[in-house]
Amino acid sequence: MTEDALQTLIEDATFDYTMGEHNAAKTKISEATSAAPDSFAAWHASAEIHLNLGDLDAALAAAERGHALRPDDLFINTTLSRIWVGKGDKDAAEKFGAQAKMLGWKEQLKSPPDQSDGL
């Protein structure tokens, strides 16, 4: 599968989810993760779709695959925190939430705000 075809499939799955076509969304995102098991975008989309559908076990499995590919990604750490909140594991939720905050701060330090206002 080409990168463009994969991206289209992920976008289609996300669109189906937002339109309430949950079975179609799950089918398409499963096709994406099967076709490209090393695609961070596919695993993250899968985690978000399953999380929002309340399937926490599938969301966690997908998020863990995404996290293994990009452990320093702000968004996958946020997703993992939200999943663990849903599963009732405060310690795990706080761990990933803290990681997400640190990654967010790290990004802010890379792009400091414009100081041209004379201060």
PDB file of N, CA and C in Angstrom:
ATOM      1  N   MET A   1       0.846  -1.170   0.000  1.00  0.00           N
ATOM      2  CA  MET A   1       0.000   0.000   0.000  1.00  0.00           C
ATOM      3  C   MET A   1       0.893   1.236   0.000  1.00  0.00           C
ATOM      4  N   THR A   2       0.584   2.178  -0.873  1.00  0.00           N
ATOM      5  CA  THR A   2       1.373   3.408  -0.928  1.00  0.00           C
ATOM      6  C   THR A   2       1.062   4.276   0.290  1.00  0.00           C
ATOM      7  N   GLU A   3       1.953   5.203   0.554  1.00  0.00           N
ATOM      8  CA  GLU A   3       1.754   6.128   1.674  1.00  0.00           C
ATOM      9  C   GLU A   3       0.492   6.962   1.468  1.00  0.00           C
ATOM     10  N   ASP A   4       0.254   7.382   0.234  1.00  0.00           N
ATOM     11  CA  ASP A   4      -0.958   8.164  -0.057  1.00  0.00           C
ATOM     12  C   ASP A   4      -2.222   7.342   0.163  1.00  0.00           C
ATOM     13  N   ALA A   5      -2.195   6.082  -0.282  1.00  0.00           N
ATOM     14  CA  ALA A   5      -3.366   5.209  -0.099  1.00  0.00           C
ATOM     15  C   ALA A   5      -3.608   4.947   1.384  1.00  0.00           C
ATOM     16  N   LEU A   6      -2.532   4.762   2.126  1.00  0.00           N
ATOM     17  CA  LEU A   6      -2.658   4.551   3.571  1.00  0.00           C
ATOM     18  C   LEU A   6      -3.263   5.784   4.234  1.00  0.00           C
ATOM     19  N   GLN A   7      -2.754   6.954   3.899  1.00  0.00           N
ATOM     20  CA  GLN A   7      -3.272   8.187   4.489  1.00  0.00           C
ATOM     21  C   GLN A   7      -4.753   8.367   4.159  1.00  0.00           C
ATOM     22  N   THR A   8      -5.129   8.051   2.930  1.00  0.00           N
ATOM     23  CA  THR A   8      -6.538   8.153   2.535  1.00  0.00           C
ATOM     24  C   THR A   8      -7.392   7.189   3.340  1.00  0.00           C
ATOM     25  N   LEU A   9      -6.905   5.978   3.550  1.00  0.00           N
ATOM     26  CA  LEU A   9      -7.645   4.985   4.322  1.00  0.00           C
ATOM     27  C   LEU A   9      -7.821   5.443   5.774  1.00  0.00           C
ATOM     28  N   ILE A  10      -6.790   6.001   6.367  1.00  0.00           N
ATOM     29  CA  ILE A  10      -6.871   6.518   7.739  1.00  0.00           C
ATOM     30  C   ILE A  10      -7.883   7.662   7.800  1.00  0.00           C
ATOM     31  N   GLU A  11      -7.807   8.558   6.845  1.00  0.00           N
ATOM     32  CA  GLU A  11      -8.751   9.680   6.808  1.00  0.00           C
ATOM     33  C   GLU A  11     -10.186   9.199   6.599  1.00  0.00           C
ATOM     34  N   ASP A  12     -10.359   8.199   5.735  1.00  0.00           N
ATOM     35  CA  ASP A  12     -11.695   7.636   5.515  1.00  0.00           C
ATOM     36  C   ASP A  12     -12.239   6.992   6.788  1.00  0.00           C
ATOM     37  N   ALA A  13     -11.388   6.280   7.507  1.00  0.00           N
ATOM     38  CA  ALA A  13     -11.815   5.650   8.758  1.00  0.00           C
ATOM     39  C   ALA A  13     -12.224   6.713   9.772  1.00  0.00           C
ATOM     40  N   THR A  14     -11.445   7.757   9.864  1.00  0.00           N
ATOM     41  CA  THR A  14     -11.750   8.842  10.792  1.00  0.00           C
ATOM     42  C   THR A  14     -13.056   9.530  10.403  1.00  0.00           C
ATOM     43  N   PHE A  15     -13.237   9.768   9.111  1.00  0.00           N
ATOM     44  CA  PHE A  15     -14.477  10.388   8.638  1.00  0.00           C
ATOM     45  C   PHE A  15     -15.674   9.493   8.941  1.00  0.00           C
ATOM     46  N   ASP A  16     -15.532   8.201   8.664  1.00  0.00           N
ATOM     47  CA  ASP A  16     -16.628   7.271   8.964  1.00  0.00           C
ATOM     48  C   ASP A  16     -16.987   7.325  10.444  1.00  0.00           C
ATOM     49  N   TYR A  17     -15.987   7.361  11.297  1.00  0.00           N
ATOM     50  CA  TYR A  17     -16.257   7.443  12.734  1.00  0.00           C
ATOM     51  C   TYR A  17     -17.064   8.706  13.050  1.00  0.00           C
ATOM     52  N   THR A  18     -16.616   9.838  12.513  1.00  0.00           N
ATOM     53  CA  THR A  18     -17.291  11.098  12.833  1.00  0.00           C
ATOM     54  C   THR A  18     -18.716  11.135  12.287  1.00  0.00           C
ATOM     55  N   MET A  19     -18.974  10.372  11.246  1.00  0.00           N
ATOM     56  CA  MET A  19     -20.317  10.335  10.656  1.00  0.00           C
ATOM     57  C   MET A  19     -21.198   9.267  11.296  1.00  0.00           C
ATOM     58  N   GLY A  20     -20.653   8.571  12.306  1.00  0.00           N
ATOM     59  CA  GLY A  20     -21.441   7.566  13.010  1.00  0.00           C
ATOM     60  C   GLY A  20     -21.411   6.197  12.366  1.00  0.00           C
ATOM     61  N   GLU A  21     -20.577   6.030  11.368  1.00  0.00           N
ATOM     62  CA  GLU A  21     -20.426   4.732  10.692  1.00  0.00           C
ATOM     63  C   GLU A  21     -19.314   3.953  11.395  1.00  0.00           C
ATOM     64  N   HIS A  22     -19.590   3.534  12.618  1.00  0.00           N
ATOM     65  CA  HIS A  22     -18.550   2.966  13.472  1.00  0.00           C
ATOM     66  C   HIS A  22     -18.000   1.647  12.960  1.00  0.00           C
ATOM     67  N   ASN A  23     -18.837   0.767  12.437  1.00  0.00           N
ATOM     68  CA  ASN A  23     -18.334  -0.503  11.918  1.00  0.00           C
ATOM     69  C   ASN A  23     -17.426  -0.283  10.719  1.00  0.00           C
ATOM     70  N   ALA A  24     -17.811   0.634   9.832  1.00  0.00           N
ATOM     71  CA  ALA A  24     -16.967   0.945   8.673  1.00  0.00           C
ATOM     72  C   ALA A  24     -15.638   1.535   9.135  1.00  0.00           C
ATOM     73  N   ALA A  25     -15.693   2.403  10.151  1.00  0.00           N
ATOM     74  CA  ALA A  25     -14.467   3.007  10.676  1.00  0.00           C
ATOM     75  C   ALA A  25     -13.532   1.931  11.224  1.00  0.00           C
ATOM     76  N   LYS A  26     -14.079   1.020  12.013  1.00  0.00           N
ATOM     77  CA  LYS A  26     -13.243  -0.047  12.593  1.00  0.00           C
ATOM     78  C   LYS A  26     -12.671  -0.951  11.507  1.00  0.00           C
ATOM     79  N   THR A  27     -13.465  -1.257  10.486  1.00  0.00           N
ATOM     80  CA  THR A  27     -12.984  -2.099   9.390  1.00  0.00           C
ATOM     81  C   THR A  27     -11.834  -1.418   8.654  1.00  0.00           C
ATOM     82  N   LYS A  28     -12.009  -0.147   8.333  1.00  0.00           N
ATOM     83  CA  LYS A  28     -10.980   0.575   7.579  1.00  0.00           C
ATOM     84  C   LYS A  28      -9.706   0.783   8.391  1.00  0.00           C
ATOM     85  N   ILE A  29      -9.850   1.112   9.669  1.00  0.00           N
ATOM     86  CA  ILE A  29      -8.636   1.341  10.454  1.00  0.00           C
ATOM     87  C   ILE A  29      -7.913   0.020  10.709  1.00  0.00           C
ATOM     88  N   SER A  30      -8.655  -1.075  10.797  1.00  0.00           N
ATOM     89  CA  SER A  30      -8.030  -2.388  10.926  1.00  0.00           C
ATOM     90  C   SER A  30      -7.276  -2.745   9.648  1.00  0.00           C
ATOM     91  N   GLU A  31      -7.864  -2.409   8.520  1.00  0.00           N
ATOM     92  CA  GLU A  31      -7.188  -2.641   7.235  1.00  0.00           C
ATOM     93  C   GLU A  31      -5.893  -1.832   7.168  1.00  0.00           C
ATOM     94  N   ALA A  32      -5.944  -0.593   7.656  1.00  0.00           N
ATOM     95  CA  ALA A  32      -4.759   0.266   7.636  1.00  0.00           C
ATOM     96  C   ALA A  32      -3.645  -0.295   8.521  1.00  0.00           C
ATOM     97  N   THR A  33      -3.981  -0.725   9.731  1.00  0.00           N
ATOM     98  CA  THR A  33      -2.945  -1.245  10.629  1.00  0.00           C
ATOM     99  C   THR A  33      -2.401  -2.585  10.138  1.00  0.00           C
ATOM    100  N   SER A  34      -3.249  -3.372   9.467  1.00  0.00           N
ATOM    101  CA  SER A  34      -2.774  -4.643   8.907  1.00  0.00           C
ATOM    102  C   SER A  34      -1.854  -4.416   7.714  1.00  0.00           C
ATOM    103  N   ALA A  35      -2.216  -3.451   6.882  1.00  0.00           N
ATOM    104  CA  ALA A  35      -1.424  -3.175   5.683  1.00  0.00           C
ATOM    105  C   ALA A  35      -0.111  -2.477   6.007  1.00  0.00           C
ATOM    106  N   ALA A  36      -0.108  -1.701   7.082  1.00  0.00           N
ATOM    107  CA  ALA A  36       1.086  -0.929   7.442  1.00  0.00           C
ATOM    108  C   ALA A  36       1.319  -1.001   8.947  1.00  0.00           C
ATOM    109  N   PRO A  37       1.789  -2.157   9.433  1.00  0.00           N
ATOM    110  CA  PRO A  37       1.952  -2.339  10.881  1.00  0.00           C
ATOM    111  C   PRO A  37       3.000  -1.416  11.512  1.00  0.00           C
ATOM    112  N   ASP A  38       3.794  -0.734  10.701  1.00  0.00           N
ATOM    113  CA  ASP A  38       4.780   0.205  11.227  1.00  0.00           C
ATOM    114  C   ASP A  38       4.331   1.651  11.079  1.00  0.00           C
ATOM    115  N   SER A  39       3.044   1.849  10.810  1.00  0.00           N
ATOM    116  CA  SER A  39       2.521   3.205  10.637  1.00  0.00           C
ATOM    117  C   SER A  39       2.029   3.769  11.965  1.00  0.00           C
ATOM    118  N   PHE A  40       2.748   4.741  12.469  1.00  0.00           N
ATOM    119  CA  PHE A  40       2.327   5.403  13.697  1.00  0.00           C
ATOM    120  C   PHE A  40       0.950   6.022  13.532  1.00  0.00           C
ATOM    121  N   ALA A  41       0.717   6.689  12.411  1.00  0.00           N
ATOM    122  CA  ALA A  41      -0.561   7.373  12.186  1.00  0.00           C
ATOM    123  C   ALA A  41      -1.728   6.393  12.235  1.00  0.00           C
ATOM    124  N   ALA A  42      -1.549   5.215  11.669  1.00  0.00           N
ATOM    125  CA  ALA A  42      -2.627   4.216  11.670  1.00  0.00           C
ATOM    126  C   ALA A  42      -2.914   3.736  13.088  1.00  0.00           C
ATOM    127  N   TRP A  43      -1.870   3.456  13.855  1.00  0.00           N
ATOM    128  CA  TRP A  43      -2.078   2.979  15.225  1.00  0.00           C
ATOM    129  C   TRP A  43      -2.689   4.056  16.104  1.00  0.00           C
ATOM    130  N   HIS A  44      -2.239   5.308  15.931  1.00  0.00           N
ATOM    131  CA  HIS A  44      -2.806   6.379  16.746  1.00  0.00           C
ATOM    132  C   HIS A  44      -4.275   6.591  16.404  1.00  0.00           C
ATOM    133  N   ALA A  45      -4.607   6.582  15.118  1.00  0.00           N
ATOM    134  CA  ALA A  45      -6.010   6.727  14.716  1.00  0.00           C
ATOM    135  C   ALA A  45      -6.847   5.572  15.260  1.00  0.00           C
ATOM    136  N   SER A  46      -6.300   4.370  15.209  1.00  0.00           N
ATOM    137  CA  SER A  46      -7.002   3.208  15.738  1.00  0.00           C
ATOM    138  C   SER A  46      -7.266   3.375  17.236  1.00  0.00           C
ATOM    139  N   ALA A  47      -6.258   3.829  17.958  1.00  0.00           N
ATOM    140  CA  ALA A  47      -6.421   4.038  19.400  1.00  0.00           C
ATOM    141  C   ALA A  47      -7.513   5.066  19.680  1.00  0.00           C
ATOM    142  N   GLU A  48      -7.515   6.146  18.941  1.00  0.00           N
ATOM    143  CA  GLU A  48      -8.519   7.195  19.165  1.00  0.00           C
ATOM    144  C   GLU A  48      -9.923   6.720  18.808  1.00  0.00           C
ATOM    145  N   ILE A  49     -10.062   6.019  17.702  1.00  0.00           N
ATOM    146  CA  ILE A  49     -11.382   5.515  17.300  1.00  0.00           C
ATOM    147  C   ILE A  49     -11.913   4.559  18.357  1.00  0.00           C
ATOM    148  N   HIS A  50     -11.082   3.600  18.761  1.00  0.00           N
ATOM    149  CA  HIS A  50     -11.543   2.618  19.757  1.00  0.00           C
ATOM    150  C   HIS A  50     -11.805   3.267  21.117  1.00  0.00           C
ATOM    151  N   LEU A  51     -10.969   4.216  21.504  1.00  0.00           N
ATOM    152  CA  LEU A  51     -11.186   4.913  22.771  1.00  0.00           C
ATOM    153  C   LEU A  51     -12.530   5.628  22.753  1.00  0.00           C
ATOM    154  N   ASN A  52     -12.798   6.335  21.685  1.00  0.00           N
ATOM    155  CA  ASN A  52     -14.045   7.092  21.602  1.00  0.00           C
ATOM    156  C   ASN A  52     -15.270   6.197  21.472  1.00  0.00           C
ATOM    157  N   LEU A  53     -15.071   4.965  21.042  1.00  0.00           N
ATOM    158  CA  LEU A  53     -16.170   3.994  20.994  1.00  0.00           C
ATOM    159  C   LEU A  53     -16.310   3.231  22.310  1.00  0.00           C
ATOM    160  N   GLY A  54     -15.405   3.489  23.256  1.00  0.00           N
ATOM    161  CA  GLY A  54     -15.474   2.837  24.561  1.00  0.00           C
ATOM    162  C   GLY A  54     -14.842   1.470  24.625  1.00  0.00           C
ATOM    163  N   ASP A  55     -14.145   1.069  23.566  1.00  0.00           N
ATOM    164  CA  ASP A  55     -13.453  -0.223  23.550  1.00  0.00           C
ATOM    165  C   ASP A  55     -12.030   0.002  24.063  1.00  0.00           C
ATOM    166  N   LEU A  56     -11.904   0.068  25.374  1.00  0.00           N
ATOM    167  CA  LEU A  56     -10.635   0.442  25.994  1.00  0.00           C
ATOM    168  C   LEU A  56      -9.526  -0.568  25.766  1.00  0.00           C
ATOM    169  N   ASP A  57      -9.870  -1.852  25.705  1.00  0.00           N
ATOM    170  CA  ASP A  57      -8.824  -2.862  25.483  1.00  0.00           C
ATOM    171  C   ASP A  57      -8.222  -2.729  24.088  1.00  0.00           C
ATOM    172  N   ALA A  58      -9.070  -2.546  23.071  1.00  0.00           N
ATOM    173  CA  ALA A  58      -8.566  -2.361  21.704  1.00  0.00           C
ATOM    174  C   ALA A  58      -7.816  -1.039  21.596  1.00  0.00           C
ATOM    175  N   ALA A  59      -8.325  -0.006  22.269  1.00  0.00           N
ATOM    176  CA  ALA A  59      -7.648   1.297  22.257  1.00  0.00           C
ATOM    177  C   ALA A  59      -6.263   1.181  22.873  1.00  0.00           C
ATOM    178  N   LEU A  60      -6.166   0.479  23.996  1.00  0.00           N
ATOM    179  CA  LEU A  60      -4.881   0.322  24.672  1.00  0.00           C
ATOM    180  C   LEU A  60      -3.898  -0.458  23.805  1.00  0.00           C
ATOM    181  N   ALA A  61      -4.359  -1.532  23.197  1.00  0.00           N
ATOM    182  CA  ALA A  61      -3.473  -2.330  22.345  1.00  0.00           C
ATOM    183  C   ALA A  61      -2.935  -1.474  21.190  1.00  0.00           C
ATOM    184  N   ALA A  62      -3.805  -0.688  20.567  1.00  0.00           N
ATOM    185  CA  ALA A  62      -3.381   0.157  19.451  1.00  0.00           C
ATOM    186  C   ALA A  62      -2.440   1.257  19.935  1.00  0.00           C
ATOM    187  N   ALA A  63      -2.770   1.882  21.056  1.00  0.00           N
ATOM    188  CA  ALA A  63      -1.932   2.963  21.584  1.00  0.00           C
ATOM    189  C   ALA A  63      -0.545   2.445  21.973  1.00  0.00           C
ATOM    190  N   GLU A  64      -0.495   1.257  22.533  1.00  0.00           N
ATOM    191  CA  GLU A  64       0.808   0.683  22.890  1.00  0.00           C
ATOM    192  C   GLU A  64       1.655   0.419  21.648  1.00  0.00           C
ATOM    193  N   ARG A  65       1.020  -0.008  20.557  1.00  0.00           N
ATOM    194  CA  ARG A  65       1.764  -0.204  19.301  1.00  0.00           C
ATOM    195  C   ARG A  65       2.292   1.137  18.789  1.00  0.00           C
ATOM    196  N   GLY A  66       1.441   2.169  18.841  1.00  0.00           N
ATOM    197  CA  GLY A  66       1.871   3.497  18.421  1.00  0.00           C
ATOM    198  C   GLY A  66       2.984   4.037  19.305  1.00  0.00           C
ATOM    199  N   HIS A  67       2.853   3.836  20.598  1.00  0.00           N
ATOM    200  CA  HIS A  67       3.861   4.300  21.552  1.00  0.00           C
ATOM    201  C   HIS A  67       5.193   3.597  21.322  1.00  0.00           C
ATOM    202  N   ALA A  68       5.154   2.334  20.969  1.00  0.00           N
ATOM    203  CA  ALA A  68       6.401   1.605  20.688  1.00  0.00           C
ATOM    204  C   ALA A  68       7.117   2.209  19.476  1.00  0.00           C
ATOM    205  N   LEU A  69       6.343   2.741  18.537  1.00  0.00           N
ATOM    206  CA  LEU A  69       6.936   3.353  17.348  1.00  0.00           C
ATOM    207  C   LEU A  69       7.454   4.759  17.611  1.00  0.00           C
ATOM    208  N   ARG A  70       6.744   5.510  18.467  1.00  0.00           N
ATOM    209  CA  ARG A  70       7.133   6.894  18.770  1.00  0.00           C
ATOM    210  C   ARG A  70       6.872   7.205  20.246  1.00  0.00           C
ATOM    211  N   PRO A  71       7.748   6.742  21.114  1.00  0.00           N
ATOM    212  CA  PRO A  71       7.516   6.949  22.546  1.00  0.00           C
ATOM    213  C   PRO A  71       7.560   8.414  22.975  1.00  0.00           C
ATOM    214  N   ASP A  72       8.185   9.274  22.184  1.00  0.00           N
ATOM    215  CA  ASP A  72       8.283  10.683  22.540  1.00  0.00           C
ATOM    216  C   ASP A  72       7.256  11.548  21.820  1.00  0.00           C
ATOM    217  N   ASP A  73       6.162  10.945  21.381  1.00  0.00           N
ATOM    218  CA  ASP A  73       5.110  11.715  20.733  1.00  0.00           C
ATOM    219  C   ASP A  73       4.127  12.220  21.781  1.00  0.00           C
ATOM    220  N   LEU A  74       3.904  13.505  21.790  1.00  0.00           N
ATOM    221  CA  LEU A  74       2.992  14.140  22.742  1.00  0.00           C
ATOM    222  C   LEU A  74       1.600  13.524  22.677  1.00  0.00           C
ATOM    223  N   PHE A  75       1.092  13.332  21.473  1.00  0.00           N
ATOM    224  CA  PHE A  75      -0.296  12.904  21.314  1.00  0.00           C
ATOM    225  C   PHE A  75      -0.541  11.459  21.723  1.00  0.00           C
ATOM    226  N   ILE A  76       0.394  10.564  21.454  1.00  0.00           N
ATOM    227  CA  ILE A  76       0.185   9.164  21.846  1.00  0.00           C
ATOM    228  C   ILE A  76       0.259   9.047  23.371  1.00  0.00           C
ATOM    229  N   ASN A  77       1.096   9.858  24.001  1.00  0.00           N
ATOM    230  CA  ASN A  77       1.152   9.847  25.468  1.00  0.00           C
ATOM    231  C   ASN A  77      -0.137  10.393  26.063  1.00  0.00           C
ATOM    232  N   THR A  78      -0.706  11.412  25.435  1.00  0.00           N
ATOM    233  CA  THR A  78      -1.996  11.942  25.880  1.00  0.00           C
ATOM    234  C   THR A  78      -3.088  10.898  25.716  1.00  0.00           C
ATOM    235  N   THR A  79      -3.088  10.223  24.583  1.00  0.00           N
ATOM    236  CA  THR A  79      -4.079   9.170  24.332  1.00  0.00           C
ATOM    237  C   THR A  79      -3.951   8.068  25.373  1.00  0.00           C
ATOM    238  N   LEU A  80      -2.737   7.644  25.654  1.00  0.00           N
ATOM    239  CA  LEU A  80      -2.534   6.598  26.666  1.00  0.00           C
ATOM    240  C   LEU A  80      -3.028   7.060  28.036  1.00  0.00           C
ATOM    241  N   SER A  81      -2.798   8.302  28.373  1.00  0.00           N
ATOM    242  CA  SER A  81      -3.297   8.821  29.650  1.00  0.00           C
ATOM    243  C   SER A  81      -4.821   8.749  29.692  1.00  0.00           C
ATOM    244  N   ARG A  82      -5.469   9.153  28.621  1.00  0.00           N
ATOM    245  CA  ARG A  82      -6.933   9.119  28.567  1.00  0.00           C
ATOM    246  C   ARG A  82      -7.460   7.687  28.660  1.00  0.00           C
ATOM    247  N   ILE A  83      -6.773   6.758  28.018  1.00  0.00           N
ATOM    248  CA  ILE A  83      -7.193   5.350  28.080  1.00  0.00           C
ATOM    249  C   ILE A  83      -7.101   4.852  29.516  1.00  0.00           C
ATOM    250  N   TRP A  84      -5.977   5.140  30.170  1.00  0.00           N
ATOM    251  CA  TRP A  84      -5.799   4.661  31.540  1.00  0.00           C
ATOM    252  C   TRP A  84      -6.779   5.310  32.505  1.00  0.00           C
ATOM    253  N   VAL A  85      -7.161   6.564  32.249  1.00  0.00           N
ATOM    254  CA  VAL A  85      -8.221   7.187  33.050  1.00  0.00           C
ATOM    255  C   VAL A  85      -9.492   6.366  32.894  1.00  0.00           C
ATOM    256  N   GLY A  86      -9.824   6.039  31.660  1.00  0.00           N
ATOM    257  CA  GLY A  86     -11.021   5.245  31.388  1.00  0.00           C
ATOM    258  C   GLY A  86     -10.988   3.872  32.028  1.00  0.00           C
ATOM    259  N   LYS A  87      -9.802   3.296  32.124  1.00  0.00           N
ATOM    260  CA  LYS A  87      -9.658   1.970  32.730  1.00  0.00           C
ATOM    261  C   LYS A  87      -9.549   2.052  34.257  1.00  0.00           C
ATOM    262  N   GLY A  88      -9.466   3.282  34.779  1.00  0.00           N
ATOM    263  CA  GLY A  88      -9.436   3.453  36.224  1.00  0.00           C
ATOM    264  C   GLY A  88      -8.069   3.275  36.865  1.00  0.00           C
ATOM    265  N   ASP A  89      -7.008   3.336  36.087  1.00  0.00           N
ATOM    266  CA  ASP A  89      -5.657   3.190  36.629  1.00  0.00           C
ATOM    267  C   ASP A  89      -5.020   4.577  36.745  1.00  0.00           C
ATOM    268  N   LYS A  90      -5.187   5.176  37.895  1.00  0.00           N
ATOM    269  CA  LYS A  90      -4.714   6.539  38.134  1.00  0.00           C
ATOM    270  C   LYS A  90      -3.205   6.667  37.955  1.00  0.00           C
ATOM    271  N   ASP A  91      -2.444   5.705  38.459  1.00  0.00           N
ATOM    272  CA  ASP A  91      -0.990   5.784  38.374  1.00  0.00           C
ATOM    273  C   ASP A  91      -0.512   5.780  36.928  1.00  0.00           C
ATOM    274  N   ALA A  92      -1.053   4.877  36.119  1.00  0.00           N
ATOM    275  CA  ALA A  92      -0.658   4.825  34.705  1.00  0.00           C
ATOM    276  C   ALA A  92      -1.106   6.088  33.977  1.00  0.00           C
ATOM    277  N   ALA A  93      -2.303   6.559  34.286  1.00  0.00           N
ATOM    278  CA  ALA A  93      -2.806   7.782  33.652  1.00  0.00           C
ATOM    279  C   ALA A  93      -1.894   8.961  33.976  1.00  0.00           C
ATOM    280  N   GLU A  94      -1.495   9.073  35.235  1.00  0.00           N
ATOM    281  CA  GLU A  94      -0.624  10.170  35.639  1.00  0.00           C
ATOM    282  C   GLU A  94       0.753  10.055  34.994  1.00  0.00           C
ATOM    283  N   LYS A  95       1.254   8.848  34.873  1.00  0.00           N
ATOM    284  CA  LYS A  95       2.564   8.631  34.246  1.00  0.00           C
ATOM    285  C   LYS A  95       2.562   9.162  32.817  1.00  0.00           C
ATOM    286  N   PHE A  96       1.567   8.746  32.025  1.00  0.00           N
ATOM    287  CA  PHE A  96       1.528   9.179  30.630  1.00  0.00           C
ATOM    288  C   PHE A  96       1.128  10.645  30.511  1.00  0.00           C
ATOM    289  N   GLY A  97       0.298  11.128  31.431  1.00  0.00           N
ATOM    290  CA  GLY A  97      -0.058  12.545  31.439  1.00  0.00           C
ATOM    291  C   GLY A  97       1.155  13.422  31.715  1.00  0.00           C
ATOM    292  N   ALA A  98       1.978  13.012  32.665  1.00  0.00           N
ATOM    293  CA  ALA A  98       3.193  13.758  32.987  1.00  0.00           C
ATOM    294  C   ALA A  98       4.164  13.732  31.811  1.00  0.00           C
ATOM    295  N   GLN A  99       4.264  12.579  31.154  1.00  0.00           N
ATOM    296  CA  GLN A  99       5.136  12.480  29.981  1.00  0.00           C
ATOM    297  C   GLN A  99       4.658  13.428  28.888  1.00  0.00           C
ATOM    298  N   ALA A 100       3.350  13.487  28.678  1.00  0.00           N
ATOM    299  CA  ALA A 100       2.791  14.382  27.668  1.00  0.00           C
ATOM    300  C   ALA A 100       3.090  15.842  28.011  1.00  0.00           C
ATOM    301  N   LYS A 101       2.961  16.201  29.281  1.00  0.00           N
ATOM    302  CA  LYS A 101       3.265  17.583  29.692  1.00  0.00           C
ATOM    303  C   LYS A 101       4.721  17.921  29.429  1.00  0.00           C
ATOM    304  N   MET A 102       5.620  17.020  29.793  1.00  0.00           N
ATOM    305  CA  MET A 102       7.042  17.270  29.564  1.00  0.00           C
ATOM    306  C   MET A 102       7.344  17.428  28.077  1.00  0.00           C
ATOM    307  N   LEU A 103       6.721  16.593  27.253  1.00  0.00           N
ATOM    308  CA  LEU A 103       6.932  16.695  25.814  1.00  0.00           C
ATOM    309  C   LEU A 103       6.368  18.006  25.271  1.00  0.00           C
ATOM    310  N   GLY A 104       5.250  18.455  25.827  1.00  0.00           N
ATOM    311  CA  GLY A 104       4.680  19.734  25.432  1.00  0.00           C
ATOM    312  C   GLY A 104       5.599  20.890  25.793  1.00  0.00           C
ATOM    313  N   TRP A 105       6.157  20.847  26.978  1.00  0.00           N
ATOM    314  CA  TRP A 105       7.094  21.897  27.400  1.00  0.00           C
ATOM    315  C   TRP A 105       8.331  21.892  26.515  1.00  0.00           C
ATOM    316  N   LYS A 106       8.799  20.708  26.190  1.00  0.00           N
ATOM    317  CA  LYS A 106       9.974  20.570  25.328  1.00  0.00           C
ATOM    318  C   LYS A 106       9.713  21.241  23.973  1.00  0.00           C
ATOM    319  N   GLU A 107       8.519  21.042  23.429  1.00  0.00           N
ATOM    320  CA  GLU A 107       8.155  21.674  22.157  1.00  0.00           C
ATOM    321  C   GLU A 107       8.090  23.188  22.302  1.00  0.00           C
ATOM    322  N   GLN A 108       7.570  23.668  23.423  1.00  0.00           N
ATOM    323  CA  GLN A 108       7.488  25.111  23.646  1.00  0.00           C
ATOM    324  C   GLN A 108       8.873  25.743  23.715  1.00  0.00           C
ATOM    325  N   LEU A 109       9.812  25.022  24.311  1.00  0.00           N
ATOM    326  CA  LEU A 109      11.174  25.549  24.410  1.00  0.00           C
ATOM    327  C   LEU A 109      11.846  25.630  23.046  1.00  0.00           C
ATOM    328  N   LYS A 110      11.454  24.751  22.132  1.00  0.00           N
ATOM    329  CA  LYS A 110      12.009  24.786  20.775  1.00  0.00           C
ATOM    330  C   LYS A 110      11.514  26.004  20.008  1.00  0.00           C
ATOM    331  N   SER A 111      10.325  26.484  20.334  1.00  0.00           N
ATOM    332  CA  SER A 111       9.715  27.614  19.624  1.00  0.00           C
ATOM    333  C   SER A 111       9.234  28.649  20.639  1.00  0.00           C
ATOM    334  N   PRO A 112      10.168  29.404  21.213  1.00  0.00           N
ATOM    335  CA  PRO A 112       9.757  30.398  22.208  1.00  0.00           C
ATOM    336  C   PRO A 112       8.854  31.456  21.570  1.00  0.00           C
ATOM    337  N   PRO A 113       7.969  32.044  22.378  1.00  0.00           N
ATOM    338  CA  PRO A 113       7.072  33.066  21.841  1.00  0.00           C
ATOM    339  C   PRO A 113       7.845  34.272  21.332  1.00  0.00           C
ATOM    340  N   ASP A 114       7.258  35.002  20.401  1.00  0.00           N
ATOM    341  CA  ASP A 114       7.858  36.200  19.830  1.00  0.00           C
ATOM    342  C   ASP A 114       7.976  37.269  20.905  1.00  0.00           C
ATOM    343  N   GLN A 115       9.153  37.778  21.100  1.00  0.00           N
ATOM    344  CA  GLN A 115       9.414  38.779  22.133  1.00  0.00           C
ATOM    345  C   GLN A 115       9.552  40.179  21.528  1.00  0.00           C
ATOM    346  N   SER A 116       8.972  40.421  20.366  1.00  0.00           N
ATOM    347  CA  SER A 116       9.150  41.699  19.681  1.00  0.00           C
ATOM    348  C   SER A 116       8.228  42.795  20.193  1.00  0.00           C
ATOM    349  N   ASP A 117       7.511  42.564  21.280  1.00  0.00           N
ATOM    350  CA  ASP A 117       6.581  43.585  21.774  1.00  0.00           C
ATOM    351  C   ASP A 117       7.254  44.603  22.695  1.00  0.00           C
ATOM    352  N   GLY A 118       8.580  44.571  22.746  1.00  0.00           N
ATOM    353  CA  GLY A 118       9.307  45.578  23.504  1.00  0.00           C
ATOM    354  C   GLY A 118       9.519  45.261  24.972  1.00  0.00           C
ATOM    355  N   LEU A 119       9.147  44.119  25.419  1.00  0.00           N
ATOM    356  CA  LEU A 119       9.319  43.779  26.842  1.00  0.00           C
ATOM    357  C   LEU A 119      10.708  43.352  27.128  1.00  0.00           C
TER     358      LEU A 119
END
